[in-house]
Amino acid sequence: MGRIVVTEFMSLDGVIEDPGGAEGFAHGGWSFKFRDPEGMQYKLQETLDHDALLLGRVTYEGFAAAWPSMTDEVGFAEKMNGMPKFVVSSTLDDLQWSNSTLLGPSLAEEVTKLKQRPGGDILVAGSATLVRGLMAEGLVDEYRLMVFPVVLGSGKRLFGESEDPLVLTLVDSKTLASGTMILTYHPAAATDG
């Protein structure tokens, strides 16, 4: 049974919008100011270790526009292009990127089925709206946050306002040379009292 693993680039003030600079956000490309070879190796290994991608429409469209034409010597592009991709969208109907499948309208039902399929863990990159939906359904098994030492002041945040607090347990942390931190959290077990 696979787990749902959310991976995000995040500023100190929780912004995850446009870390690569392709979306036209005023602060877009902010993650490129912190180039850590160790961080790039982490992201490569993270991708290689996962069996599939689960993506929202916006992230899917950005990835689908970029990855099919990419090549590299370490196998990152080959893995991204070859792995199964599951897409949550109510507006897309034709997925052109190889090995892409559009999921049905019930997020909880479809993702529960994905988690039960043979294979390994499923990586969710970007996809803020999708991640919030997964969190609301209690479907996220792990959060991997690459927190960069920058405060952006505005932009889409991963954790929006909620009636119920989300309690997480830190299971791993690592600080890179640039001051960027890689933080791994699991949802905390519910407690009585």
N, C-alpha and C. Protein backbone atom coordinates (compact mmCIF):
# COMPACT_ATOMS: atom_id res chain seq x y z
N MET A 1 0.84 -1.19 0.00
CA MET A 1 0.00 0.00 0.00
C MET A 1 0.88 1.24 0.00
N GLY A 2 0.61 2.15 -0.92
CA GLY A 2 1.42 3.36 -1.04
C GLY A 2 0.96 4.47 -0.11
N ARG A 3 1.88 5.36 0.17
CA ARG A 3 1.58 6.53 1.00
C ARG A 3 1.49 7.76 0.11
N ILE A 4 0.78 8.77 0.57
CA ILE A 4 0.74 10.07 -0.10
C ILE A 4 1.77 10.96 0.58
N VAL A 5 2.78 11.38 -0.19
CA VAL A 5 3.88 12.19 0.32
C VAL A 5 3.83 13.55 -0.38
N VAL A 6 3.56 14.59 0.39
CA VAL A 6 3.52 15.96 -0.13
C VAL A 6 4.91 16.56 -0.03
N THR A 7 5.41 17.11 -1.14
CA THR A 7 6.71 17.76 -1.13
C THR A 7 6.55 19.19 -1.64
N GLU A 8 7.09 20.14 -0.91
CA GLU A 8 6.91 21.55 -1.26
C GLU A 8 8.18 22.35 -1.02
N PHE A 9 8.43 23.33 -1.91
CA PHE A 9 9.38 24.40 -1.66
C PHE A 9 8.57 25.46 -0.93
N MET A 10 9.11 26.00 0.17
CA MET A 10 8.34 26.93 1.00
C MET A 10 9.25 28.04 1.53
N SER A 11 8.71 29.26 1.58
CA SER A 11 9.44 30.36 2.22
C SER A 11 9.23 30.28 3.73
N LEU A 12 9.98 31.07 4.48
CA LEU A 12 9.81 31.08 5.93
C LEU A 12 8.41 31.49 6.36
N ASP A 13 7.76 32.31 5.55
CA ASP A 13 6.40 32.73 5.90
C ASP A 13 5.33 31.86 5.21
N GLY A 14 5.73 30.66 4.78
CA GLY A 14 4.77 29.67 4.32
C GLY A 14 4.33 29.75 2.88
N VAL A 15 4.94 30.64 2.07
CA VAL A 15 4.55 30.79 0.67
C VAL A 15 5.15 29.64 -0.15
N ILE A 16 4.31 29.04 -0.99
CA ILE A 16 4.77 27.98 -1.89
C ILE A 16 4.58 28.37 -3.35
N GLU A 17 4.07 29.55 -3.60
CA GLU A 17 3.73 29.97 -4.96
C GLU A 17 4.97 30.23 -5.81
N ASP A 18 5.00 29.62 -6.97
CA ASP A 18 5.94 29.90 -8.05
C ASP A 18 7.43 29.92 -7.64
N PRO A 19 7.90 28.88 -6.98
CA PRO A 19 9.32 28.87 -6.61
C PRO A 19 10.26 28.84 -7.81
N GLY A 20 9.75 28.36 -8.96
CA GLY A 20 10.58 28.26 -10.16
C GLY A 20 10.48 29.44 -11.10
N GLY A 21 9.51 30.33 -10.88
CA GLY A 21 9.41 31.53 -11.68
C GLY A 21 8.66 31.41 -12.99
N ALA A 22 7.90 30.35 -13.19
CA ALA A 22 7.21 30.14 -14.46
C ALA A 22 5.76 30.62 -14.46
N GLU A 23 5.24 31.06 -13.32
CA GLU A 23 3.82 31.36 -13.23
C GLU A 23 3.50 32.85 -13.25
N GLY A 24 4.50 33.71 -13.28
CA GLY A 24 4.25 35.14 -13.34
C GLY A 24 3.99 35.81 -12.00
N PHE A 25 4.20 35.10 -10.89
CA PHE A 25 4.04 35.66 -9.55
C PHE A 25 5.12 36.73 -9.34
N ALA A 26 4.76 37.82 -8.66
CA ALA A 26 5.68 38.94 -8.45
C ALA A 26 7.03 38.51 -7.88
N HIS A 27 7.02 37.51 -7.01
CA HIS A 27 8.27 37.04 -6.39
C HIS A 27 8.76 35.74 -7.02
N GLY A 28 8.21 35.36 -8.16
CA GLY A 28 8.52 34.08 -8.79
C GLY A 28 10.01 33.83 -8.96
N GLY A 29 10.40 32.57 -8.82
CA GLY A 29 11.80 32.18 -8.95
C GLY A 29 12.60 32.31 -7.67
N TRP A 30 11.92 32.56 -6.57
CA TRP A 30 12.61 32.81 -5.30
C TRP A 30 13.49 31.66 -4.84
N SER A 31 13.19 30.44 -5.21
CA SER A 31 14.01 29.31 -4.74
C SER A 31 15.38 29.26 -5.40
N PHE A 32 15.52 29.90 -6.58
CA PHE A 32 16.79 29.83 -7.30
C PHE A 32 17.90 30.66 -6.66
N LYS A 33 17.55 31.48 -5.67
CA LYS A 33 18.57 32.26 -4.97
C LYS A 33 19.37 31.40 -3.99
N PHE A 34 18.94 30.15 -3.82
CA PHE A 34 19.54 29.28 -2.81
C PHE A 34 19.92 27.95 -3.47
N ARG A 35 20.97 27.95 -4.21
CA ARG A 35 21.40 26.74 -4.92
C ARG A 35 22.29 25.89 -4.02
N ASP A 36 21.77 24.77 -3.65
CA ASP A 36 22.51 23.83 -2.81
C ASP A 36 22.65 22.52 -3.58
N PRO A 37 23.86 22.10 -3.92
CA PRO A 37 24.00 20.79 -4.58
C PRO A 37 23.37 19.67 -3.76
N GLU A 38 23.47 19.76 -2.45
CA GLU A 38 22.89 18.73 -1.58
C GLU A 38 21.35 18.73 -1.67
N GLY A 39 20.78 19.92 -1.81
CA GLY A 39 19.34 20.03 -1.96
C GLY A 39 18.87 19.47 -3.29
N MET A 40 19.63 19.72 -4.35
CA MET A 40 19.28 19.17 -5.66
C MET A 40 19.39 17.65 -5.65
N GLN A 41 20.40 17.12 -4.97
CA GLN A 41 20.54 15.67 -4.84
C GLN A 41 19.36 15.08 -4.07
N TYR A 42 18.93 15.78 -3.04
CA TYR A 42 17.77 15.33 -2.26
C TYR A 42 16.53 15.25 -3.14
N LYS A 43 16.27 16.29 -3.95
CA LYS A 43 15.09 16.31 -4.81
C LYS A 43 15.18 15.21 -5.88
N LEU A 44 16.36 14.96 -6.40
CA LEU A 44 16.53 13.87 -7.37
C LEU A 44 16.21 12.53 -6.72
N GLN A 45 16.80 12.28 -5.56
CA GLN A 45 16.58 11.00 -4.88
C GLN A 45 15.12 10.83 -4.47
N GLU A 46 14.50 11.92 -4.03
CA GLU A 46 13.09 11.89 -3.66
C GLU A 46 12.24 11.43 -4.84
N THR A 47 12.49 11.98 -6.01
CA THR A 47 11.74 11.61 -7.21
C THR A 47 12.02 10.16 -7.59
N LEU A 48 13.27 9.76 -7.57
CA LEU A 48 13.62 8.39 -7.94
C LEU A 48 13.00 7.37 -6.98
N ASP A 49 12.81 7.75 -5.73
CA ASP A 49 12.29 6.83 -4.72
C ASP A 49 10.76 6.66 -4.77
N HIS A 50 10.07 7.47 -5.54
CA HIS A 50 8.61 7.39 -5.57
C HIS A 50 8.13 6.71 -6.84
N ASP A 51 6.97 6.08 -6.72
CA ASP A 51 6.42 5.27 -7.79
C ASP A 51 5.56 6.06 -8.77
N ALA A 52 4.93 7.12 -8.30
CA ALA A 52 3.98 7.86 -9.14
C ALA A 52 3.87 9.30 -8.64
N LEU A 53 3.28 10.15 -9.49
CA LEU A 53 2.98 11.54 -9.13
C LEU A 53 1.48 11.73 -9.06
N LEU A 54 1.04 12.52 -8.11
CA LEU A 54 -0.35 12.97 -8.01
C LEU A 54 -0.30 14.48 -8.10
N LEU A 55 -0.98 15.05 -9.10
CA LEU A 55 -0.85 16.47 -9.38
C LEU A 55 -2.20 17.15 -9.58
N GLY A 56 -2.28 18.41 -9.19
CA GLY A 56 -3.42 19.24 -9.52
C GLY A 56 -3.23 19.80 -10.92
N ARG A 57 -4.26 20.44 -11.44
CA ARG A 57 -4.24 20.92 -12.82
C ARG A 57 -3.11 21.91 -13.10
N VAL A 58 -2.95 22.92 -12.26
CA VAL A 58 -1.95 23.96 -12.53
C VAL A 58 -0.54 23.37 -12.56
N THR A 59 -0.21 22.56 -11.58
CA THR A 59 1.12 21.95 -11.54
C THR A 59 1.29 20.99 -12.71
N TYR A 60 0.25 20.20 -13.00
CA TYR A 60 0.33 19.28 -14.14
C TYR A 60 0.62 20.04 -15.43
N GLU A 61 -0.11 21.12 -15.69
CA GLU A 61 0.09 21.87 -16.93
C GLU A 61 1.50 22.44 -17.01
N GLY A 62 2.03 22.94 -15.89
CA GLY A 62 3.39 23.46 -15.89
C GLY A 62 4.42 22.37 -16.14
N PHE A 63 4.26 21.24 -15.46
CA PHE A 63 5.19 20.12 -15.64
C PHE A 63 5.08 19.56 -17.06
N ALA A 64 3.86 19.41 -17.57
CA ALA A 64 3.64 18.83 -18.90
C ALA A 64 4.21 19.71 -20.00
N ALA A 65 4.29 21.01 -19.76
CA ALA A 65 4.87 21.92 -20.74
C ALA A 65 6.39 21.86 -20.73
N ALA A 66 6.98 21.49 -19.60
CA ALA A 66 8.43 21.54 -19.46
C ALA A 66 9.13 20.19 -19.60
N TRP A 67 8.64 19.17 -18.88
CA TRP A 67 9.40 17.93 -18.75
C TRP A 67 9.55 17.09 -20.02
N PRO A 68 8.57 16.98 -20.90
CA PRO A 68 8.74 16.09 -22.05
C PRO A 68 9.96 16.42 -22.93
N SER A 69 10.37 17.67 -22.96
CA SER A 69 11.52 18.04 -23.80
C SER A 69 12.85 18.05 -23.04
N MET A 70 12.82 17.74 -21.75
CA MET A 70 14.05 17.79 -20.94
C MET A 70 14.82 16.48 -21.00
N THR A 71 16.13 16.61 -20.89
CA THR A 71 17.03 15.47 -20.74
C THR A 71 18.09 15.85 -19.71
N ASP A 72 18.69 14.85 -19.10
CA ASP A 72 19.80 15.09 -18.18
C ASP A 72 20.59 13.80 -18.06
N GLU A 73 21.73 13.89 -17.43
CA GLU A 73 22.62 12.73 -17.31
C GLU A 73 22.33 11.88 -16.08
N VAL A 74 21.52 12.37 -15.14
CA VAL A 74 21.31 11.65 -13.90
C VAL A 74 20.00 10.86 -13.85
N GLY A 75 19.15 11.02 -14.86
CA GLY A 75 17.92 10.24 -14.92
C GLY A 75 16.69 10.92 -14.36
N PHE A 76 16.80 12.19 -13.96
CA PHE A 76 15.65 12.91 -13.41
C PHE A 76 14.54 13.03 -14.45
N ALA A 77 14.87 13.53 -15.65
CA ALA A 77 13.87 13.72 -16.70
C ALA A 77 13.26 12.39 -17.13
N GLU A 78 14.09 11.37 -17.25
CA GLU A 78 13.57 10.06 -17.63
C GLU A 78 12.56 9.54 -16.61
N LYS A 79 12.85 9.71 -15.33
CA LYS A 79 11.94 9.29 -14.28
C LYS A 79 10.64 10.10 -14.33
N MET A 80 10.75 11.42 -14.43
CA MET A 80 9.56 12.27 -14.47
C MET A 80 8.66 11.93 -15.66
N ASN A 81 9.27 11.71 -16.80
CA ASN A 81 8.49 11.41 -18.00
C ASN A 81 7.94 9.99 -18.02
N GLY A 82 8.61 9.06 -17.36
CA GLY A 82 8.20 7.66 -17.41
C GLY A 82 7.25 7.22 -16.32
N MET A 83 7.26 7.90 -15.19
CA MET A 83 6.44 7.43 -14.06
C MET A 83 4.96 7.73 -14.29
N PRO A 84 4.07 6.93 -13.69
CA PRO A 84 2.64 7.22 -13.79
C PRO A 84 2.32 8.55 -13.13
N LYS A 85 1.42 9.29 -13.78
CA LYS A 85 0.99 10.59 -13.27
C LYS A 85 -0.53 10.57 -13.17
N PHE A 86 -1.05 10.89 -11.99
CA PHE A 86 -2.48 10.93 -11.74
C PHE A 86 -2.86 12.39 -11.53
N VAL A 87 -3.88 12.85 -12.25
CA VAL A 87 -4.20 14.27 -12.29
C VAL A 87 -5.62 14.50 -11.77
N VAL A 88 -5.73 15.46 -10.86
CA VAL A 88 -7.03 15.86 -10.31
C VAL A 88 -7.40 17.18 -10.97
N SER A 89 -8.48 17.16 -11.74
CA SER A 89 -8.94 18.37 -12.41
C SER A 89 -10.39 18.21 -12.83
N SER A 90 -11.14 19.30 -12.73
CA SER A 90 -12.51 19.28 -13.22
C SER A 90 -12.62 19.94 -14.59
N THR A 91 -11.50 20.47 -15.10
CA THR A 91 -11.54 21.17 -16.38
C THR A 91 -10.74 20.50 -17.48
N LEU A 92 -9.72 19.73 -17.14
CA LEU A 92 -8.94 19.04 -18.17
C LEU A 92 -9.68 17.80 -18.65
N ASP A 93 -9.54 17.51 -19.94
CA ASP A 93 -10.10 16.26 -20.44
C ASP A 93 -9.15 15.51 -21.36
N ASP A 94 -8.07 16.15 -21.76
CA ASP A 94 -7.11 15.52 -22.66
C ASP A 94 -5.70 15.71 -22.09
N LEU A 95 -5.12 14.63 -21.59
CA LEU A 95 -3.79 14.70 -20.98
C LEU A 95 -2.76 14.20 -21.99
N GLN A 96 -1.86 15.07 -22.38
CA GLN A 96 -0.88 14.74 -23.42
C GLN A 96 0.43 14.15 -22.89
N TRP A 97 0.78 14.43 -21.64
CA TRP A 97 2.05 13.97 -21.09
C TRP A 97 1.98 12.47 -20.88
N SER A 98 3.03 11.77 -21.24
CA SER A 98 3.03 10.31 -21.18
C SER A 98 2.66 9.77 -19.80
N ASN A 99 1.93 8.65 -19.81
CA ASN A 99 1.53 7.95 -18.58
C ASN A 99 0.68 8.78 -17.63
N SER A 100 -0.14 9.67 -18.18
CA SER A 100 -1.01 10.52 -17.36
C SER A 100 -2.44 9.99 -17.38
N THR A 101 -3.07 9.98 -16.19
CA THR A 101 -4.44 9.51 -16.04
C THR A 101 -5.23 10.55 -15.27
N LEU A 102 -6.40 10.90 -15.80
CA LEU A 102 -7.30 11.83 -15.13
C LEU A 102 -8.13 11.06 -14.12
N LEU A 103 -8.17 11.55 -12.87
CA LEU A 103 -8.95 10.90 -11.84
C LEU A 103 -10.39 11.39 -11.85
N GLY A 104 -11.28 10.59 -11.33
CA GLY A 104 -12.71 10.92 -11.26
C GLY A 104 -12.99 12.03 -10.26
N PRO A 105 -14.27 12.40 -10.12
CA PRO A 105 -14.62 13.57 -9.32
C PRO A 105 -14.52 13.41 -7.81
N SER A 106 -14.52 12.18 -7.28
CA SER A 106 -14.45 12.00 -5.83
C SER A 106 -13.00 11.88 -5.37
N LEU A 107 -12.45 12.97 -4.84
CA LEU A 107 -11.05 12.98 -4.43
C LEU A 107 -10.76 11.88 -3.41
N ALA A 108 -11.55 11.80 -2.37
CA ALA A 108 -11.29 10.82 -1.31
C ALA A 108 -11.33 9.40 -1.86
N GLU A 109 -12.32 9.09 -2.66
CA GLU A 109 -12.45 7.74 -3.21
C GLU A 109 -11.30 7.41 -4.15
N GLU A 110 -10.97 8.33 -5.05
CA GLU A 110 -9.91 8.07 -6.04
C GLU A 110 -8.54 7.93 -5.38
N VAL A 111 -8.23 8.79 -4.43
CA VAL A 111 -6.92 8.74 -3.78
C VAL A 111 -6.82 7.51 -2.88
N THR A 112 -7.91 7.14 -2.23
CA THR A 112 -7.91 5.92 -1.43
C THR A 112 -7.61 4.71 -2.32
N LYS A 113 -8.18 4.67 -3.51
CA LYS A 113 -7.89 3.59 -4.47
C LYS A 113 -6.42 3.62 -4.88
N LEU A 114 -5.89 4.82 -5.14
CA LEU A 114 -4.47 4.94 -5.52
C LEU A 114 -3.56 4.39 -4.43
N LYS A 115 -3.88 4.71 -3.19
CA LYS A 115 -3.05 4.26 -2.07
C LYS A 115 -3.06 2.74 -1.94
N GLN A 116 -4.14 2.10 -2.40
CA GLN A 116 -4.27 0.66 -2.27
C GLN A 116 -3.72 -0.11 -3.46
N ARG A 117 -3.36 0.59 -4.53
CA ARG A 117 -2.86 -0.10 -5.71
C ARG A 117 -1.46 -0.64 -5.45
N PRO A 118 -1.06 -1.68 -6.19
CA PRO A 118 0.30 -2.19 -6.03
C PRO A 118 1.31 -1.10 -6.39
N GLY A 119 2.41 -1.09 -5.73
CA GLY A 119 3.44 -0.12 -6.02
C GLY A 119 3.85 0.65 -4.78
N GLY A 120 4.70 1.62 -5.01
CA GLY A 120 5.26 2.38 -3.89
C GLY A 120 4.50 3.67 -3.61
N ASP A 121 5.19 4.57 -2.95
CA ASP A 121 4.60 5.83 -2.51
C ASP A 121 4.33 6.77 -3.68
N ILE A 122 3.38 7.68 -3.45
CA ILE A 122 2.92 8.62 -4.47
C ILE A 122 3.31 10.02 -4.02
N LEU A 123 4.03 10.73 -4.87
CA LEU A 123 4.56 12.05 -4.56
C LEU A 123 3.61 13.13 -5.08
N VAL A 124 3.29 14.10 -4.23
CA VAL A 124 2.48 15.25 -4.61
C VAL A 124 3.38 16.47 -4.55
N ALA A 125 3.67 17.06 -5.71
CA ALA A 125 4.53 18.24 -5.77
C ALA A 125 3.68 19.46 -6.10
N GLY A 126 3.97 20.59 -5.45
CA GLY A 126 3.19 21.80 -5.72
C GLY A 126 1.73 21.55 -5.39
N SER A 127 0.84 21.91 -6.33
CA SER A 127 -0.57 21.53 -6.26
C SER A 127 -1.24 21.95 -4.95
N ALA A 128 -1.14 23.23 -4.61
CA ALA A 128 -1.64 23.73 -3.32
C ALA A 128 -3.11 23.40 -3.08
N THR A 129 -3.96 23.61 -4.07
CA THR A 129 -5.39 23.35 -3.89
C THR A 129 -5.63 21.86 -3.65
N LEU A 130 -4.96 21.03 -4.43
CA LEU A 130 -5.07 19.58 -4.25
C LEU A 130 -4.60 19.19 -2.85
N VAL A 131 -3.46 19.70 -2.42
CA VAL A 131 -2.92 19.34 -1.11
C VAL A 131 -3.90 19.73 0.00
N ARG A 132 -4.51 20.89 -0.11
CA ARG A 132 -5.49 21.28 0.90
C ARG A 132 -6.67 20.31 0.92
N GLY A 133 -7.10 19.86 -0.25
CA GLY A 133 -8.17 18.87 -0.32
C GLY A 133 -7.76 17.55 0.30
N LEU A 134 -6.53 17.12 0.05
CA LEU A 134 -6.01 15.89 0.64
C LEU A 134 -5.93 16.01 2.16
N MET A 135 -5.48 17.18 2.64
CA MET A 135 -5.40 17.40 4.09
C MET A 135 -6.79 17.33 4.72
N ALA A 136 -7.77 17.95 4.06
CA ALA A 136 -9.14 17.97 4.60
C ALA A 136 -9.72 16.56 4.71
N GLU A 137 -9.28 15.67 3.83
CA GLU A 137 -9.76 14.28 3.83
C GLU A 137 -8.88 13.35 4.68
N GLY A 138 -7.82 13.89 5.27
CA GLY A 138 -6.92 13.07 6.09
C GLY A 138 -6.13 12.06 5.27
N LEU A 139 -5.79 12.42 4.04
CA LEU A 139 -5.13 11.48 3.13
C LEU A 139 -3.62 11.66 3.00
N VAL A 140 -3.05 12.69 3.64
CA VAL A 140 -1.60 12.92 3.55
C VAL A 140 -0.89 12.10 4.62
N ASP A 141 0.09 11.32 4.21
CA ASP A 141 0.85 10.48 5.14
C ASP A 141 2.17 11.12 5.57
N GLU A 142 2.70 12.03 4.72
CA GLU A 142 3.99 12.65 5.04
C GLU A 142 4.09 13.99 4.33
N TYR A 143 4.69 14.96 5.02
CA TYR A 143 4.97 16.28 4.46
C TYR A 143 6.48 16.44 4.42
N ARG A 144 7.02 16.77 3.25
CA ARG A 144 8.45 17.09 3.11
C ARG A 144 8.55 18.53 2.67
N LEU A 145 8.97 19.39 3.57
CA LEU A 145 9.01 20.81 3.32
C LEU A 145 10.45 21.28 3.21
N MET A 146 10.80 21.83 2.06
CA MET A 146 12.12 22.41 1.87
C MET A 146 11.93 23.91 2.12
N VAL A 147 12.29 24.36 3.33
CA VAL A 147 12.01 25.72 3.77
C VAL A 147 13.23 26.60 3.52
N PHE A 148 13.04 27.60 2.65
CA PHE A 148 14.12 28.49 2.24
C PHE A 148 14.17 29.72 3.14
N PRO A 149 15.37 30.25 3.41
CA PRO A 149 15.52 31.39 4.33
C PRO A 149 15.16 32.72 3.67
N VAL A 150 13.89 32.85 3.29
CA VAL A 150 13.41 34.08 2.67
C VAL A 150 11.97 34.31 3.14
N VAL A 151 11.64 35.58 3.39
CA VAL A 151 10.27 35.97 3.72
C VAL A 151 9.76 36.78 2.53
N LEU A 152 8.69 36.28 1.90
CA LEU A 152 8.17 36.91 0.69
C LEU A 152 7.07 37.93 0.97
N GLY A 153 6.33 37.76 2.06
CA GLY A 153 5.33 38.74 2.43
C GLY A 153 3.98 38.58 1.75
N SER A 154 3.95 37.92 0.62
CA SER A 154 2.67 37.67 -0.06
C SER A 154 2.81 36.42 -0.91
N GLY A 155 1.68 35.88 -1.31
CA GLY A 155 1.68 34.70 -2.16
C GLY A 155 0.86 33.57 -1.56
N LYS A 156 0.61 32.58 -2.37
CA LYS A 156 -0.19 31.43 -1.96
C LYS A 156 0.58 30.61 -0.94
N ARG A 157 -0.10 30.33 0.17
CA ARG A 157 0.52 29.56 1.25
C ARG A 157 -0.04 28.14 1.25
N LEU A 158 0.77 27.21 1.72
CA LEU A 158 0.33 25.82 1.79
C LEU A 158 -0.77 25.66 2.82
N PHE A 159 -0.55 26.19 4.00
CA PHE A 159 -1.51 26.02 5.08
C PHE A 159 -2.38 27.27 5.17
N GLY A 160 -3.61 27.14 4.70
CA GLY A 160 -4.55 28.25 4.75
C GLY A 160 -5.27 28.25 6.08
N GLU A 161 -6.26 29.12 6.18
CA GLU A 161 -7.05 29.18 7.40
C GLU A 161 -7.90 27.93 7.52
N SER A 162 -8.08 27.48 8.75
CA SER A 162 -8.84 26.26 8.99
C SER A 162 -9.50 26.34 10.35
N GLU A 163 -10.62 25.68 10.47
CA GLU A 163 -11.31 25.59 11.76
C GLU A 163 -10.56 24.68 12.72
N ASP A 164 -9.94 23.65 12.18
CA ASP A 164 -9.25 22.66 13.01
C ASP A 164 -7.74 22.78 12.83
N PRO A 165 -7.00 22.81 13.93
CA PRO A 165 -5.54 22.85 13.80
C PRO A 165 -5.01 21.55 13.21
N LEU A 166 -3.94 21.65 12.47
CA LEU A 166 -3.25 20.49 11.92
C LEU A 166 -2.00 20.29 12.78
N VAL A 167 -1.95 19.19 13.50
CA VAL A 167 -0.81 18.91 14.37
C VAL A 167 0.09 17.92 13.65
N LEU A 168 1.37 18.26 13.56
CA LEU A 168 2.34 17.43 12.86
C LEU A 168 3.45 17.02 13.81
N THR A 169 4.06 15.88 13.51
CA THR A 169 5.20 15.39 14.28
C THR A 169 6.44 15.43 13.40
N LEU A 170 7.48 16.15 13.83
CA LEU A 170 8.73 16.22 13.09
C LEU A 170 9.43 14.87 13.19
N VAL A 171 9.74 14.28 12.03
CA VAL A 171 10.42 12.98 12.04
C VAL A 171 11.84 13.06 11.48
N ASP A 172 12.18 14.17 10.82
CA ASP A 172 13.54 14.33 10.32
C ASP A 172 13.77 15.79 9.97
N SER A 173 15.00 16.24 10.12
CA SER A 173 15.36 17.60 9.71
C SER A 173 16.81 17.62 9.28
N LYS A 174 17.07 18.51 8.34
CA LYS A 174 18.43 18.66 7.82
C LYS A 174 18.60 20.10 7.40
N THR A 175 19.73 20.71 7.73
CA THR A 175 20.03 22.08 7.32
C THR A 175 21.09 22.04 6.24
N LEU A 176 20.83 22.74 5.13
CA LEU A 176 21.77 22.81 4.01
C LEU A 176 22.68 24.02 4.17
N ALA A 177 23.73 24.09 3.38
CA ALA A 177 24.72 25.17 3.49
C ALA A 177 24.11 26.55 3.32
N SER A 178 23.08 26.69 2.51
CA SER A 178 22.45 27.99 2.26
C SER A 178 21.55 28.45 3.41
N GLY A 179 21.30 27.57 4.37
CA GLY A 179 20.36 27.87 5.44
C GLY A 179 18.98 27.29 5.17
N THR A 180 18.80 26.72 4.00
CA THR A 180 17.55 26.03 3.67
C THR A 180 17.45 24.80 4.56
N MET A 181 16.24 24.52 5.03
CA MET A 181 16.02 23.34 5.86
C MET A 181 15.09 22.37 5.15
N ILE A 182 15.37 21.09 5.29
CA ILE A 182 14.48 20.05 4.81
C ILE A 182 13.84 19.44 6.04
N LEU A 183 12.52 19.64 6.16
CA LEU A 183 11.77 19.19 7.33
C LEU A 183 10.77 18.12 6.91
N THR A 184 10.77 16.99 7.58
CA THR A 184 9.84 15.91 7.27
C THR A 184 8.92 15.72 8.46
N TYR A 185 7.61 15.78 8.18
CA TYR A 185 6.59 15.66 9.21
C TYR A 185 5.61 14.55 8.87
N HIS A 186 5.07 13.95 9.90
CA HIS A 186 3.94 13.03 9.78
C HIS A 186 2.77 13.65 10.53
N PRO A 187 1.55 13.41 10.05
CA PRO A 187 0.40 13.88 10.84
C PRO A 187 0.45 13.23 12.22
N ALA A 188 0.22 14.03 13.25
CA ALA A 188 0.25 13.50 14.62
C ALA A 188 -0.97 12.60 14.83
N ALA A 189 -0.79 11.56 15.61
CA ALA A 189 -1.91 10.67 15.94
C ALA A 189 -2.88 11.43 16.81
N ALA A 190 -4.15 11.19 16.57
CA ALA A 190 -5.18 11.82 17.38
C ALA A 190 -5.07 11.32 18.82
N THR A 191 -5.28 12.21 19.76
CA THR A 191 -5.21 11.81 21.17
C THR A 191 -6.52 12.13 21.85
N ASP A 192 -6.86 11.36 22.84
CA ASP A 192 -8.06 11.63 23.64
C ASP A 192 -7.68 12.55 24.78
N GLY A 193 -8.53 13.58 25.00
CA GLY A 193 -8.33 14.44 26.15
C GLY A 193 -7.31 15.46 25.92
